[in-house]
Amino acid sequence: MYPSRKSNRLKDYDYSRAGAYFLTICAKGRLELFSRIVVRETPCRSTVELTDIGKIIAAEIEKFSDAYDFVTVEHYVIMPNHVHMIVLINGGGRQNAAPTVPRMIKQWKRAVSLKVGYSIWQRSFYDHVVRNENDHREIMEYIENNPAKWDEDRYHP
C-alpha cells in the first residue's frame, strides 16, 4: 500500500477554469527516457534530441487541441526525464463540459503509455496556475532555457 500523498492542487480551485497552467510531468523513477540534451558550440545553445518515446510524447502533445475543444498547448519542452508545458484553457463553450487539467493529464499520460507499451510516468504532476503576464513571461523563458541549464536542473539525476 502506498503512503498517503499530500495533494499539490489548490484547494477549492476549479481546474477547468479558463486560464494558463504551467505543468511538469516526470518519468517514473526520473529515468532519462524522453530525450537527450546536445550541447552545441555554434550557436552557443543546447538542443533537445528526442528518443522514440520522446517523439510519441511530442505527437500526443500536438493532439491536445484535437482532443479537447478550447484547449491548446502554448509551449512545451521534452527534457530527458520530464516534460514542461503551458496548457491554455480558452473561454468558450459550455463551461460545465470543460475538462479539468488533472483529467486531461491523466488521459494524456494514459495515451502515451499505451503507445509506448508500458507506464512511463511518475504518479501525479506539478501544476502552477499562471497568474499574470509577468508570471507567464518568466515561465516561457524558463521553458525556453531549460535545455541549456540541464546540468543545474532539479530533475537532473
N, C-alpha and C. Protein backbone atom coordinates (compact mmCIF):
# COMPACT_ATOMS: atom_id res chain seq x y z
N MET A 1 0.84 -1.19 0.00
CA MET A 1 0.00 0.00 0.00
C MET A 1 0.89 1.25 0.00
N TYR A 2 0.50 2.24 -0.79
CA TYR A 2 1.25 3.49 -0.88
C TYR A 2 0.93 4.40 0.30
N PRO A 3 1.92 5.13 0.78
CA PRO A 3 1.61 6.12 1.83
C PRO A 3 0.73 7.21 1.22
N SER A 4 -0.12 7.81 2.04
CA SER A 4 -0.99 8.87 1.51
C SER A 4 -0.14 10.07 1.14
N ARG A 5 -0.50 10.67 0.00
CA ARG A 5 0.26 11.82 -0.50
C ARG A 5 -0.54 13.08 -0.31
N LYS A 6 0.16 14.14 -0.02
CA LYS A 6 -0.46 15.45 0.11
C LYS A 6 -0.77 15.96 -1.30
N SER A 7 -1.97 16.45 -1.52
CA SER A 7 -2.34 16.98 -2.82
C SER A 7 -1.59 18.27 -3.07
N ASN A 8 -1.11 18.43 -4.32
CA ASN A 8 -0.43 19.68 -4.65
C ASN A 8 -1.36 20.62 -5.42
N ARG A 9 -2.63 20.31 -5.49
CA ARG A 9 -3.60 21.16 -6.17
C ARG A 9 -4.09 22.25 -5.21
N LEU A 10 -4.45 23.40 -5.79
CA LEU A 10 -5.00 24.48 -4.98
C LEU A 10 -6.37 24.07 -4.45
N LYS A 11 -6.55 24.20 -3.16
CA LYS A 11 -7.82 23.84 -2.54
C LYS A 11 -8.95 24.71 -3.10
N ASP A 12 -10.03 24.07 -3.48
CA ASP A 12 -11.24 24.73 -3.99
C ASP A 12 -11.04 25.49 -5.30
N TYR A 13 -9.96 25.21 -6.03
CA TYR A 13 -9.74 25.87 -7.33
C TYR A 13 -10.37 25.01 -8.42
N ASP A 14 -11.06 25.65 -9.35
CA ASP A 14 -11.70 24.96 -10.46
C ASP A 14 -10.70 24.83 -11.61
N TYR A 15 -10.13 23.65 -11.76
CA TYR A 15 -9.11 23.41 -12.78
C TYR A 15 -9.69 23.23 -14.18
N SER A 16 -10.95 23.58 -14.38
CA SER A 16 -11.50 23.66 -15.73
C SER A 16 -11.69 25.12 -16.14
N ARG A 17 -11.33 26.04 -15.23
CA ARG A 17 -11.44 27.48 -15.50
C ARG A 17 -10.54 27.91 -16.64
N ALA A 18 -11.01 28.87 -17.42
CA ALA A 18 -10.18 29.44 -18.47
C ALA A 18 -8.93 30.04 -17.85
N GLY A 19 -7.80 29.80 -18.49
CA GLY A 19 -6.55 30.34 -18.00
C GLY A 19 -5.38 29.54 -18.52
N ALA A 20 -4.20 29.90 -18.03
CA ALA A 20 -2.97 29.22 -18.42
C ALA A 20 -2.44 28.43 -17.23
N TYR A 21 -1.95 27.24 -17.52
CA TYR A 21 -1.45 26.34 -16.49
C TYR A 21 -0.06 25.85 -16.89
N PHE A 22 0.91 26.04 -16.00
CA PHE A 22 2.26 25.52 -16.22
C PHE A 22 2.33 24.16 -15.57
N LEU A 23 2.69 23.14 -16.34
CA LEU A 23 2.68 21.77 -15.86
C LEU A 23 4.06 21.13 -16.04
N THR A 24 4.42 20.29 -15.09
CA THR A 24 5.62 19.47 -15.19
C THR A 24 5.22 18.04 -14.89
N ILE A 25 5.54 17.13 -15.83
CA ILE A 25 5.19 15.72 -15.71
C ILE A 25 6.49 14.93 -15.78
N CYS A 26 6.75 14.09 -14.78
CA CYS A 26 8.04 13.39 -14.68
C CYS A 26 7.94 11.91 -15.06
N ALA A 27 9.06 11.38 -15.54
CA ALA A 27 9.19 9.96 -15.82
C ALA A 27 9.26 9.18 -14.51
N LYS A 28 8.72 7.98 -14.52
CA LYS A 28 8.79 7.11 -13.36
C LYS A 28 10.26 6.88 -13.00
N GLY A 29 10.62 7.09 -11.75
CA GLY A 29 11.99 6.90 -11.30
C GLY A 29 12.96 7.92 -11.88
N ARG A 30 12.39 8.96 -12.50
CA ARG A 30 13.19 10.01 -13.16
C ARG A 30 14.20 9.44 -14.15
N LEU A 31 13.81 8.31 -14.78
CA LEU A 31 14.67 7.71 -15.80
C LEU A 31 14.72 8.62 -17.02
N GLU A 32 15.86 8.70 -17.65
CA GLU A 32 16.04 9.57 -18.81
C GLU A 32 15.60 8.82 -20.08
N LEU A 33 14.28 8.83 -20.32
CA LEU A 33 13.67 8.07 -21.41
C LEU A 33 13.25 8.93 -22.60
N PHE A 34 13.11 10.22 -22.41
CA PHE A 34 12.41 11.07 -23.37
C PHE A 34 13.30 11.76 -24.39
N SER A 35 14.49 12.16 -23.98
CA SER A 35 15.37 12.91 -24.87
C SER A 35 16.78 12.90 -24.31
N ARG A 36 17.67 13.49 -25.07
CA ARG A 36 19.00 13.78 -24.54
C ARG A 36 19.33 15.21 -24.93
N ILE A 37 20.12 15.85 -24.09
CA ILE A 37 20.50 17.24 -24.33
C ILE A 37 21.82 17.23 -25.09
N VAL A 38 21.84 17.92 -26.21
CA VAL A 38 23.04 18.02 -27.04
C VAL A 38 23.55 19.45 -26.92
N VAL A 39 24.78 19.57 -26.44
CA VAL A 39 25.39 20.89 -26.28
C VAL A 39 26.06 21.27 -27.60
N ARG A 40 25.68 22.41 -28.12
CA ARG A 40 26.23 22.90 -29.38
C ARG A 40 27.10 24.11 -29.09
N GLU A 41 28.25 24.14 -29.70
CA GLU A 41 29.15 25.29 -29.53
C GLU A 41 28.69 26.47 -30.38
N THR A 42 28.21 26.20 -31.61
CA THR A 42 27.80 27.27 -32.51
C THR A 42 26.42 26.94 -33.05
N PRO A 43 25.40 27.66 -32.84
CA PRO A 43 25.39 28.75 -31.88
C PRO A 43 25.46 28.19 -30.47
N CYS A 44 25.85 28.98 -29.55
CA CYS A 44 26.04 28.56 -28.16
C CYS A 44 24.67 28.27 -27.54
N ARG A 45 24.13 27.12 -27.85
CA ARG A 45 22.77 26.78 -27.43
C ARG A 45 22.67 25.26 -27.31
N SER A 46 22.05 24.76 -26.29
CA SER A 46 21.80 23.34 -26.17
C SER A 46 20.48 23.02 -26.85
N THR A 47 20.43 21.83 -27.44
CA THR A 47 19.20 21.42 -28.10
C THR A 47 18.75 20.09 -27.53
N VAL A 48 17.50 19.78 -27.76
CA VAL A 48 16.89 18.54 -27.28
C VAL A 48 16.79 17.59 -28.47
N GLU A 49 17.31 16.38 -28.28
CA GLU A 49 17.21 15.34 -29.29
C GLU A 49 16.27 14.27 -28.74
N LEU A 50 15.08 14.12 -29.35
CA LEU A 50 14.06 13.22 -28.83
C LEU A 50 14.40 11.76 -29.10
N THR A 51 14.08 10.92 -28.12
CA THR A 51 14.14 9.47 -28.30
C THR A 51 12.83 9.05 -28.98
N ASP A 52 12.67 7.76 -29.25
CA ASP A 52 11.40 7.29 -29.82
C ASP A 52 10.24 7.58 -28.88
N ILE A 53 10.47 7.41 -27.58
CA ILE A 53 9.43 7.73 -26.59
C ILE A 53 9.15 9.22 -26.61
N GLY A 54 10.17 10.04 -26.69
CA GLY A 54 10.01 11.48 -26.77
C GLY A 54 9.18 11.90 -27.97
N LYS A 55 9.37 11.22 -29.09
CA LYS A 55 8.59 11.51 -30.31
C LYS A 55 7.11 11.17 -30.11
N ILE A 56 6.85 10.10 -29.39
CA ILE A 56 5.45 9.75 -29.07
C ILE A 56 4.85 10.82 -28.18
N ILE A 57 5.61 11.27 -27.18
CA ILE A 57 5.14 12.33 -26.28
C ILE A 57 4.82 13.59 -27.08
N ALA A 58 5.73 13.99 -27.97
CA ALA A 58 5.51 15.19 -28.79
C ALA A 58 4.25 15.05 -29.65
N ALA A 59 4.06 13.89 -30.25
CA ALA A 59 2.88 13.67 -31.09
C ALA A 59 1.60 13.78 -30.27
N GLU A 60 1.62 13.26 -29.05
CA GLU A 60 0.43 13.34 -28.19
C GLU A 60 0.20 14.76 -27.69
N ILE A 61 1.25 15.53 -27.48
CA ILE A 61 1.09 16.94 -27.11
C ILE A 61 0.42 17.68 -28.25
N GLU A 62 0.83 17.39 -29.47
CA GLU A 62 0.25 18.05 -30.64
C GLU A 62 -1.23 17.73 -30.82
N LYS A 63 -1.70 16.64 -30.25
CA LYS A 63 -3.11 16.24 -30.36
C LYS A 63 -4.03 16.89 -29.33
N PHE A 64 -3.46 17.62 -28.38
CA PHE A 64 -4.27 18.23 -27.32
C PHE A 64 -5.46 19.01 -27.88
N SER A 65 -5.19 19.86 -28.86
CA SER A 65 -6.25 20.71 -29.41
C SER A 65 -7.33 19.90 -30.10
N ASP A 66 -6.95 18.75 -30.67
CA ASP A 66 -7.94 17.88 -31.32
C ASP A 66 -8.80 17.17 -30.29
N ALA A 67 -8.18 16.79 -29.18
CA ALA A 67 -8.87 16.01 -28.16
C ALA A 67 -9.81 16.86 -27.30
N TYR A 68 -9.47 18.13 -27.11
CA TYR A 68 -10.25 18.97 -26.21
C TYR A 68 -10.57 20.29 -26.88
N ASP A 69 -11.85 20.58 -27.02
CA ASP A 69 -12.25 21.89 -27.54
C ASP A 69 -11.77 22.96 -26.56
N PHE A 70 -11.32 24.06 -27.10
CA PHE A 70 -10.92 25.22 -26.30
C PHE A 70 -9.66 25.00 -25.46
N VAL A 71 -8.87 23.98 -25.80
CA VAL A 71 -7.63 23.72 -25.07
C VAL A 71 -6.48 23.67 -26.07
N THR A 72 -5.39 24.36 -25.76
CA THR A 72 -4.19 24.29 -26.58
C THR A 72 -2.96 24.20 -25.68
N VAL A 73 -1.91 23.62 -26.22
CA VAL A 73 -0.62 23.64 -25.54
C VAL A 73 0.15 24.77 -26.21
N GLU A 74 0.39 25.82 -25.44
CA GLU A 74 1.04 27.01 -25.98
C GLU A 74 2.53 26.80 -26.23
N HIS A 75 3.20 26.15 -25.29
CA HIS A 75 4.64 25.97 -25.40
C HIS A 75 5.02 24.76 -24.56
N TYR A 76 6.04 24.03 -25.01
CA TYR A 76 6.49 22.88 -24.23
C TYR A 76 7.94 22.56 -24.55
N VAL A 77 8.55 21.77 -23.66
CA VAL A 77 9.87 21.20 -23.88
C VAL A 77 9.86 19.80 -23.30
N ILE A 78 10.46 18.88 -24.04
CA ILE A 78 10.57 17.49 -23.59
C ILE A 78 12.01 17.27 -23.16
N MET A 79 12.21 17.25 -21.87
CA MET A 79 13.54 17.07 -21.29
C MET A 79 13.82 15.57 -21.16
N PRO A 80 15.03 15.17 -20.77
CA PRO A 80 15.34 13.74 -20.67
C PRO A 80 14.39 12.94 -19.77
N ASN A 81 13.96 13.52 -18.65
CA ASN A 81 13.11 12.75 -17.73
C ASN A 81 11.86 13.50 -17.27
N HIS A 82 11.54 14.58 -17.94
CA HIS A 82 10.32 15.31 -17.60
C HIS A 82 9.88 16.18 -18.78
N VAL A 83 8.64 16.61 -18.70
CA VAL A 83 8.05 17.46 -19.73
C VAL A 83 7.50 18.70 -19.04
N HIS A 84 7.81 19.88 -19.60
CA HIS A 84 7.20 21.13 -19.15
C HIS A 84 6.26 21.58 -20.26
N MET A 85 5.09 22.07 -19.88
CA MET A 85 4.20 22.65 -20.87
C MET A 85 3.30 23.70 -20.26
N ILE A 86 2.89 24.63 -21.11
CA ILE A 86 1.87 25.60 -20.72
C ILE A 86 0.61 25.22 -21.48
N VAL A 87 -0.43 24.87 -20.73
CA VAL A 87 -1.72 24.49 -21.30
C VAL A 87 -2.67 25.66 -21.11
N LEU A 88 -3.31 26.05 -22.20
CA LEU A 88 -4.30 27.13 -22.15
C LEU A 88 -5.69 26.55 -22.27
N ILE A 89 -6.55 26.90 -21.33
CA ILE A 89 -7.97 26.60 -21.46
C ILE A 89 -8.61 27.93 -21.80
N ASN A 90 -9.13 28.02 -23.01
CA ASN A 90 -9.72 29.26 -23.50
C ASN A 90 -11.19 29.31 -23.14
N GLY A 91 -11.67 30.50 -22.83
CA GLY A 91 -13.09 30.67 -22.55
C GLY A 91 -13.90 30.29 -23.77
N GLY A 92 -15.07 29.84 -23.58
CA GLY A 92 -15.90 29.46 -24.71
C GLY A 92 -16.49 28.10 -24.45
N GLY A 93 -17.53 27.81 -25.17
CA GLY A 93 -18.17 26.52 -24.98
C GLY A 93 -18.90 26.47 -23.66
N ARG A 94 -19.40 25.29 -23.37
CA ARG A 94 -20.12 25.09 -22.11
C ARG A 94 -19.10 24.86 -21.01
N GLN A 95 -19.05 25.74 -20.07
CA GLN A 95 -18.04 25.63 -19.02
C GLN A 95 -18.18 24.33 -18.23
N ASN A 96 -19.42 23.86 -18.03
CA ASN A 96 -19.58 22.63 -17.25
C ASN A 96 -19.10 21.40 -18.02
N ALA A 97 -18.82 21.55 -19.32
CA ALA A 97 -18.30 20.45 -20.12
C ALA A 97 -16.78 20.54 -20.28
N ALA A 98 -16.19 21.60 -19.75
CA ALA A 98 -14.75 21.77 -19.90
C ALA A 98 -14.01 20.70 -19.10
N PRO A 99 -12.96 20.14 -19.69
CA PRO A 99 -12.19 19.15 -18.94
C PRO A 99 -11.36 19.84 -17.87
N THR A 100 -11.05 19.12 -16.82
CA THR A 100 -10.15 19.67 -15.81
C THR A 100 -8.71 19.34 -16.20
N VAL A 101 -7.77 20.12 -15.72
CA VAL A 101 -6.37 19.87 -16.01
C VAL A 101 -5.96 18.46 -15.53
N PRO A 102 -6.29 18.06 -14.30
CA PRO A 102 -5.91 16.70 -13.88
C PRO A 102 -6.49 15.60 -14.79
N ARG A 103 -7.73 15.76 -15.22
CA ARG A 103 -8.33 14.75 -16.11
C ARG A 103 -7.61 14.71 -17.46
N MET A 104 -7.29 15.90 -18.03
CA MET A 104 -6.59 15.93 -19.31
C MET A 104 -5.23 15.26 -19.21
N ILE A 105 -4.49 15.56 -18.13
CA ILE A 105 -3.14 14.99 -17.99
C ILE A 105 -3.23 13.49 -17.75
N LYS A 106 -4.19 13.04 -16.98
CA LYS A 106 -4.38 11.60 -16.76
C LYS A 106 -4.63 10.89 -18.09
N GLN A 107 -5.52 11.43 -18.91
CA GLN A 107 -5.83 10.82 -20.19
C GLN A 107 -4.64 10.88 -21.15
N TRP A 108 -3.90 12.00 -21.12
CA TRP A 108 -2.73 12.16 -21.98
C TRP A 108 -1.64 11.16 -21.58
N LYS A 109 -1.38 11.03 -20.28
CA LYS A 109 -0.38 10.08 -19.81
C LYS A 109 -0.76 8.65 -20.20
N ARG A 110 -2.03 8.35 -20.11
CA ARG A 110 -2.51 7.01 -20.48
C ARG A 110 -2.30 6.77 -21.97
N ALA A 111 -2.63 7.75 -22.81
CA ALA A 111 -2.47 7.60 -24.26
C ALA A 111 -1.00 7.36 -24.62
N VAL A 112 -0.10 8.11 -23.99
CA VAL A 112 1.34 7.93 -24.25
C VAL A 112 1.77 6.54 -23.81
N SER A 113 1.38 6.13 -22.60
CA SER A 113 1.78 4.83 -22.08
C SER A 113 1.27 3.69 -22.96
N LEU A 114 0.05 3.80 -23.48
CA LEU A 114 -0.49 2.77 -24.37
C LEU A 114 0.35 2.65 -25.64
N LYS A 115 0.77 3.78 -26.19
CA LYS A 115 1.59 3.76 -27.41
C LYS A 115 3.00 3.23 -27.13
N VAL A 116 3.53 3.54 -25.95
CA VAL A 116 4.87 3.06 -25.59
C VAL A 116 4.83 1.57 -25.26
N GLY A 117 3.72 1.13 -24.64
CA GLY A 117 3.57 -0.28 -24.29
C GLY A 117 3.69 -0.57 -22.81
N TYR A 118 4.00 0.45 -22.03
CA TYR A 118 4.08 0.31 -20.58
C TYR A 118 4.02 1.70 -19.96
N SER A 119 3.76 1.74 -18.65
CA SER A 119 3.65 3.03 -17.96
C SER A 119 5.03 3.62 -17.75
N ILE A 120 5.20 4.87 -18.18
CA ILE A 120 6.49 5.55 -18.06
C ILE A 120 6.43 6.71 -17.07
N TRP A 121 5.28 6.95 -16.47
CA TRP A 121 5.06 8.18 -15.71
C TRP A 121 5.11 8.00 -14.21
N GLN A 122 5.63 9.00 -13.54
CA GLN A 122 5.53 9.14 -12.10
C GLN A 122 4.08 9.48 -11.77
N ARG A 123 3.62 9.10 -10.62
CA ARG A 123 2.27 9.47 -10.19
C ARG A 123 2.15 10.98 -10.10
N SER A 124 0.98 11.49 -10.43
CA SER A 124 0.65 12.90 -10.31
C SER A 124 1.49 13.77 -11.23
N PHE A 125 1.51 15.06 -10.97
CA PHE A 125 2.28 16.02 -11.74
C PHE A 125 2.28 17.33 -10.98
N TYR A 126 3.19 18.23 -11.36
CA TYR A 126 3.25 19.55 -10.75
C TYR A 126 2.45 20.52 -11.61
N ASP A 127 1.68 21.38 -10.97
CA ASP A 127 0.98 22.43 -11.72
C ASP A 127 1.14 23.77 -11.03
N HIS A 128 1.06 24.80 -11.84
CA HIS A 128 1.12 26.18 -11.36
C HIS A 128 0.14 26.97 -12.20
N VAL A 129 -0.81 27.60 -11.56
CA VAL A 129 -1.76 28.46 -12.26
C VAL A 129 -1.04 29.75 -12.60
N VAL A 130 -0.96 30.07 -13.89
CA VAL A 130 -0.25 31.28 -14.33
C VAL A 130 -1.12 32.48 -13.93
N ARG A 131 -0.54 33.38 -13.15
CA ARG A 131 -1.34 34.44 -12.53
C ARG A 131 -1.40 35.75 -13.29
N ASN A 132 -0.34 36.07 -14.06
CA ASN A 132 -0.32 37.36 -14.76
C ASN A 132 0.70 37.30 -15.89
N GLU A 133 0.83 38.40 -16.62
CA GLU A 133 1.73 38.45 -17.78
C GLU A 133 3.19 38.26 -17.39
N ASN A 134 3.61 38.83 -16.27
CA ASN A 134 4.99 38.68 -15.82
C ASN A 134 5.28 37.21 -15.49
N ASP A 135 4.38 36.58 -14.78
CA ASP A 135 4.49 35.17 -14.45
C ASP A 135 4.59 34.34 -15.74
N HIS A 136 3.73 34.65 -16.69
CA HIS A 136 3.71 33.95 -17.97
C HIS A 136 5.05 34.10 -18.70
N ARG A 137 5.57 35.30 -18.76
CA ARG A 137 6.84 35.56 -19.44
C ARG A 137 7.98 34.79 -18.78
N GLU A 138 8.03 34.80 -17.46
CA GLU A 138 9.08 34.08 -16.73
C GLU A 138 9.01 32.58 -16.99
N ILE A 139 7.81 32.03 -17.05
CA ILE A 139 7.64 30.59 -17.31
C ILE A 139 8.06 30.26 -18.74
N MET A 140 7.69 31.11 -19.69
CA MET A 140 8.10 30.89 -21.09
C MET A 140 9.63 30.89 -21.18
N GLU A 141 10.28 31.83 -20.52
CA GLU A 141 11.75 31.89 -20.53
C GLU A 141 12.35 30.65 -19.87
N TYR A 142 11.75 30.22 -18.78
CA TYR A 142 12.23 29.02 -18.08
C TYR A 142 12.16 27.81 -19.02
N ILE A 143 11.04 27.62 -19.69
CA ILE A 143 10.88 26.50 -20.62
C ILE A 143 11.90 26.61 -21.74
N GLU A 144 12.04 27.79 -22.30
CA GLU A 144 12.95 28.02 -23.42
C GLU A 144 14.40 27.74 -23.04
N ASN A 145 14.80 28.12 -21.81
CA ASN A 145 16.18 27.98 -21.37
C ASN A 145 16.48 26.66 -20.66
N ASN A 146 15.46 25.85 -20.42
CA ASN A 146 15.65 24.63 -19.64
C ASN A 146 16.71 23.69 -20.22
N PRO A 147 16.73 23.43 -21.53
CA PRO A 147 17.78 22.54 -22.06
C PRO A 147 19.19 23.05 -21.80
N ALA A 148 19.42 24.33 -21.90
CA ALA A 148 20.76 24.90 -21.69
C ALA A 148 21.19 24.79 -20.23
N LYS A 149 20.24 24.64 -19.33
CA LYS A 149 20.54 24.59 -17.90
C LYS A 149 20.32 23.18 -17.33
N TRP A 150 20.35 22.17 -18.18
CA TRP A 150 20.07 20.80 -17.76
C TRP A 150 20.97 20.36 -16.60
N ASP A 151 22.26 20.71 -16.64
CA ASP A 151 23.16 20.29 -15.56
C ASP A 151 22.77 20.87 -14.21
N GLU A 152 22.06 21.99 -14.22
CA GLU A 152 21.63 22.64 -12.98
C GLU A 152 20.18 22.31 -12.61
N ASP A 153 19.49 21.58 -13.49
CA ASP A 153 18.06 21.31 -13.33
C ASP A 153 17.80 20.44 -12.10
N ARG A 154 16.77 20.76 -11.36
CA ARG A 154 16.44 20.00 -10.15
C ARG A 154 16.02 18.56 -10.47
N TYR A 155 15.62 18.31 -11.72
CA TYR A 155 15.22 16.96 -12.12
C TYR A 155 16.39 16.15 -12.70
N HIS A 156 17.56 16.79 -12.82
CA HIS A 156 18.75 16.11 -13.33
C HIS A 156 19.21 15.11 -12.28
N PRO A 157 19.44 13.85 -12.68
CA PRO A 157 19.84 12.84 -11.68
C PRO A 157 21.23 13.10 -11.08
